Amino acid sequence: VNCPHFDFNACVFSEKAMETKDKNGQSKEGSSRVGIFRATGLIHSITVECNYNCGRVVNVKAPPNTTDGRASPAENHRGPLPKYNIPIFRDVGKSLAIAVLDLDEVNPWSRLGHGQYKGIPEMREFLRSRLVGFEPYKSQLLQEKREREAEQREKREQAKRDKENDKAGGGRPVPLKRAAS
């Protein structure tokens, strides 16, 4: 959304991919994300891993939700894929910081609302749908689903108890009688 050079479809989140070896016999075991996961079990981490040549795609950068001239304009790259350079790497870093503002819903120039994502809930649902098949995310997402279902079940049961209590007369306030003066 914020960076034309971020390729979500090239991101691989499975544990299997952490151990898979490339054509040169190297695995991702040495990457910071895998190392942090192996050492701490932390699955919510962000690492920026780039090659030094060019990407496979350049995305459309949506326009900001403002007419304020200080916001960077929309971008729609035409032509061959650009070679990565220092300005592109800076843009990736800046876009990560802006994404944090979007995540906290405090970005005054958010690009959410244009294109595929109308807001943070839609983006979270998209990510959830993409990650549900991968461990360790699969276990966590299934646990979150069970917790949401249990919470909804408890709310329904409480509403049923409240309704039964109302029918029995226990839910209506009893009017107070005033003593004669």
Protein backbone atom coordinates (compact mmCIF):
# COMPACT_ATOMS: atom_id res chain seq x y z
CA VAL A 1 0.00 0.00 0.00
CA ASN A 2 2.74 2.46 0.98
CA CYS A 3 5.60 1.13 -1.10
CA PRO A 4 5.66 0.07 -4.74
CA HIS A 5 8.70 -2.14 -4.09
CA PHE A 6 7.20 -4.45 -1.43
CA ASP A 7 6.25 -7.83 -2.89
CA PHE A 8 3.97 -9.59 -0.40
CA ASN A 9 3.50 -12.55 -2.74
CA ALA A 10 7.24 -13.23 -2.58
CA CYS A 11 7.09 -13.49 1.22
CA VAL A 12 7.11 -17.07 2.51
CA PHE A 13 5.89 -17.68 6.04
CA SER A 14 6.01 -21.45 6.47
CA GLU A 15 8.36 -23.32 8.80
CA LYS A 16 9.16 -25.62 5.89
CA ALA A 17 10.52 -22.65 3.94
CA MET A 18 12.83 -21.86 6.85
CA GLU A 19 14.61 -25.18 6.29
CA THR A 20 14.40 -25.47 2.49
CA LYS A 21 17.72 -25.15 0.70
CA ASP A 22 18.15 -23.06 -2.44
CA LYS A 23 20.07 -24.11 -5.57
CA ASN A 24 23.35 -23.13 -3.87
CA GLY A 25 22.60 -25.35 -0.85
CA GLN A 26 21.85 -22.42 1.48
CA SER A 27 18.81 -22.28 3.75
CA LYS A 28 17.12 -19.39 5.52
CA GLU A 29 18.36 -20.70 8.88
CA GLY A 30 20.83 -17.81 8.94
CA SER A 31 18.25 -15.09 8.34
CA SER A 32 17.38 -12.82 11.24
CA ARG A 33 13.66 -13.68 11.18
CA VAL A 34 14.33 -17.43 11.40
CA GLY A 35 17.04 -16.91 14.02
CA ILE A 36 14.76 -14.80 16.22
CA PHE A 37 11.93 -17.31 15.84
CA ARG A 38 14.17 -20.26 16.71
CA ALA A 39 15.66 -18.46 19.74
CA THR A 40 12.48 -16.94 21.17
CA GLY A 41 9.42 -18.46 19.49
CA LEU A 42 8.43 -14.92 18.53
CA ILE A 43 6.30 -15.15 15.42
CA HIS A 44 5.33 -11.48 15.09
CA SER A 45 8.53 -9.92 13.85
CA ILE A 46 9.44 -7.83 10.90
CA THR A 47 12.66 -8.15 8.99
CA VAL A 48 13.46 -6.47 5.73
CA GLU A 49 15.26 -8.81 3.41
CA CYS A 50 16.13 -7.55 -0.02
CA ASN A 51 18.17 -8.73 -2.89
CA TYR A 52 20.61 -6.24 -4.33
CA ASN A 53 19.43 -6.27 -7.91
CA CYS A 54 15.71 -5.72 -8.57
CA GLY A 55 12.33 -7.07 -7.63
CA ARG A 56 9.84 -9.13 -9.61
CA VAL A 57 7.08 -6.51 -9.55
CA VAL A 58 6.46 -2.83 -8.96
CA ASN A 59 3.10 -2.20 -7.31
CA VAL A 60 0.81 0.75 -7.78
CA LYS A 61 1.15 3.14 -4.85
CA ALA A 62 -2.37 4.32 -4.03
CA PRO A 63 -3.13 8.01 -3.53
CA PRO A 64 -3.36 9.32 0.04
CA ASN A 65 -6.75 10.03 1.60
CA THR A 66 -6.07 13.76 1.68
CA THR A 67 -5.66 16.76 -0.56
CA ASP A 68 -2.78 18.01 1.57
CA GLY A 69 0.11 18.70 -0.80
CA ARG A 70 2.68 17.44 1.72
CA ALA A 71 1.62 13.81 1.23
CA SER A 72 3.61 11.92 -1.39
CA PRO A 73 1.64 11.33 -4.59
CA ALA A 74 0.36 8.06 -5.99
CA GLU A 75 2.81 6.12 -8.16
CA ASN A 76 2.17 3.91 -11.14
CA HIS A 77 5.49 2.66 -12.51
CA ARG A 78 5.79 2.09 -16.23
CA GLY A 79 8.74 0.55 -17.98
CA PRO A 80 11.34 -2.01 -16.99
CA LEU A 81 11.81 -3.02 -13.36
CA PRO A 82 14.14 -0.54 -11.68
CA LYS A 83 17.45 -1.65 -10.26
CA TYR A 84 17.45 -1.28 -6.50
CA ASN A 85 19.38 1.73 -5.27
CA ILE A 86 19.72 3.81 -2.10
CA PRO A 87 16.58 5.93 -2.73
CA ILE A 88 14.49 2.76 -3.19
CA PHE A 89 15.89 1.23 0.03
CA ARG A 90 15.08 4.50 1.84
CA ASP A 91 11.55 4.39 0.45
CA VAL A 92 11.10 0.83 1.77
CA GLY A 93 12.22 1.92 5.25
CA LYS A 94 10.02 5.02 5.20
CA SER A 95 7.08 2.92 4.06
CA LEU A 96 7.55 0.51 6.97
CA ALA A 97 7.36 3.43 9.40
CA ILE A 98 4.24 4.73 7.66
CA ALA A 99 2.70 1.24 7.86
CA VAL A 100 3.08 1.39 11.66
CA LEU A 101 1.09 4.64 11.63
CA ASP A 102 -1.58 2.88 9.56
CA LEU A 103 -1.58 -0.07 11.95
CA ASP A 104 -2.23 2.24 14.90
CA GLU A 105 -4.75 4.17 12.76
CA VAL A 106 -2.96 7.50 13.37
CA ASN A 107 -1.68 8.18 9.85
CA PRO A 108 -3.19 11.50 8.72
CA TRP A 109 -2.31 10.69 5.09
CA SER A 110 -3.21 7.01 5.00
CA ARG A 111 -3.50 5.27 1.65
CA LEU A 112 -5.90 2.70 3.06
CA GLY A 113 -9.33 3.11 1.60
CA HIS A 114 -8.08 3.01 -1.98
CA GLY A 115 -7.84 -0.26 -3.83
CA GLN A 116 -7.99 -3.67 -2.20
CA TYR A 117 -8.04 -2.58 1.44
CA LYS A 118 -10.69 -0.25 2.81
CA GLY A 119 -9.09 -0.17 6.24
CA ILE A 120 -7.13 -2.07 8.88
CA PRO A 121 -9.85 -4.71 9.50
CA GLU A 122 -9.88 -5.69 5.81
CA MET A 123 -6.09 -5.80 5.68
CA ARG A 124 -5.93 -7.97 8.82
CA GLU A 125 -8.53 -10.34 7.36
CA PHE A 126 -6.52 -10.58 4.12
CA LEU A 127 -3.33 -11.39 6.05
CA ARG A 128 -5.15 -13.84 8.30
CA SER A 129 -6.53 -15.66 5.25
CA ARG A 130 -3.04 -15.89 3.75
CA LEU A 131 -1.33 -17.09 6.94
CA VAL A 132 -3.90 -19.60 8.19
CA GLY A 133 -2.21 -22.49 6.39
CA PHE A 134 1.28 -21.89 7.76
CA GLU A 135 2.74 -23.01 11.06
CA PRO A 136 3.28 -21.40 13.55
CA TYR A 137 0.59 -18.94 12.49
CA LYS A 138 -1.96 -21.69 11.90
CA SER A 139 -1.95 -22.77 15.55
CA GLN A 140 -2.16 -19.20 16.79
CA LEU A 141 -4.98 -18.27 14.41
CA LEU A 142 -6.94 -21.40 15.34
CA GLN A 143 -6.50 -20.57 19.04
CA GLU A 144 -7.71 -17.00 18.42
CA LYS A 145 -10.72 -18.38 16.54
CA ARG A 146 -11.56 -20.74 19.42
CA GLU A 147 -11.30 -17.84 21.88
CA ARG A 148 -13.59 -15.64 19.75
CA GLU A 149 -16.11 -18.47 19.42
CA ALA A 150 -16.04 -19.12 23.19
CA GLU A 151 -16.56 -15.42 23.85
CA GLN A 152 -19.50 -15.29 21.44
CA ARG A 153 -20.98 -18.45 22.99
CA GLU A 154 -20.68 -16.92 26.47
CA LYS A 155 -22.42 -13.73 25.27
CA ARG A 156 -25.28 -15.77 23.77
CA GLU A 157 -25.63 -17.82 26.97
CA GLN A 158 -25.62 -14.65 29.08
CA ALA A 159 -28.29 -13.08 26.85
CA LYS A 160 -30.39 -16.26 27.21
CA ARG A 161 -30.00 -16.20 31.02
CA ASP A 162 -30.94 -12.50 31.07
CA LYS A 163 -34.05 -13.21 28.97
CA GLU A 164 -35.11 -16.10 31.22
CA ASN A 165 -34.53 -13.92 34.27
CA ASP A 166 -36.72 -11.19 32.74
CA LYS A 167 -39.51 -13.72 32.07
CA ALA A 168 -39.34 -14.91 35.68
CA GLY A 169 -39.74 -11.34 36.88
CA GLY A 170 -36.32 -11.16 38.37
CA GLY A 171 -35.08 -8.62 35.87
CA ARG A 172 -37.61 -5.85 36.47
CA PRO A 173 -36.86 -3.29 39.12
CA VAL A 174 -39.34 -3.30 41.95
CA PRO A 175 -40.84 0.14 42.56
CA LEU A 176 -40.06 1.55 45.99
CA LYS A 177 -42.98 2.56 48.21
CA ARG A 178 -42.57 5.86 49.91
CA ALA A 179 -43.50 6.16 53.49
CA ALA A 180 -46.29 8.65 54.23
CA SER A 181 -45.06 11.75 55.97
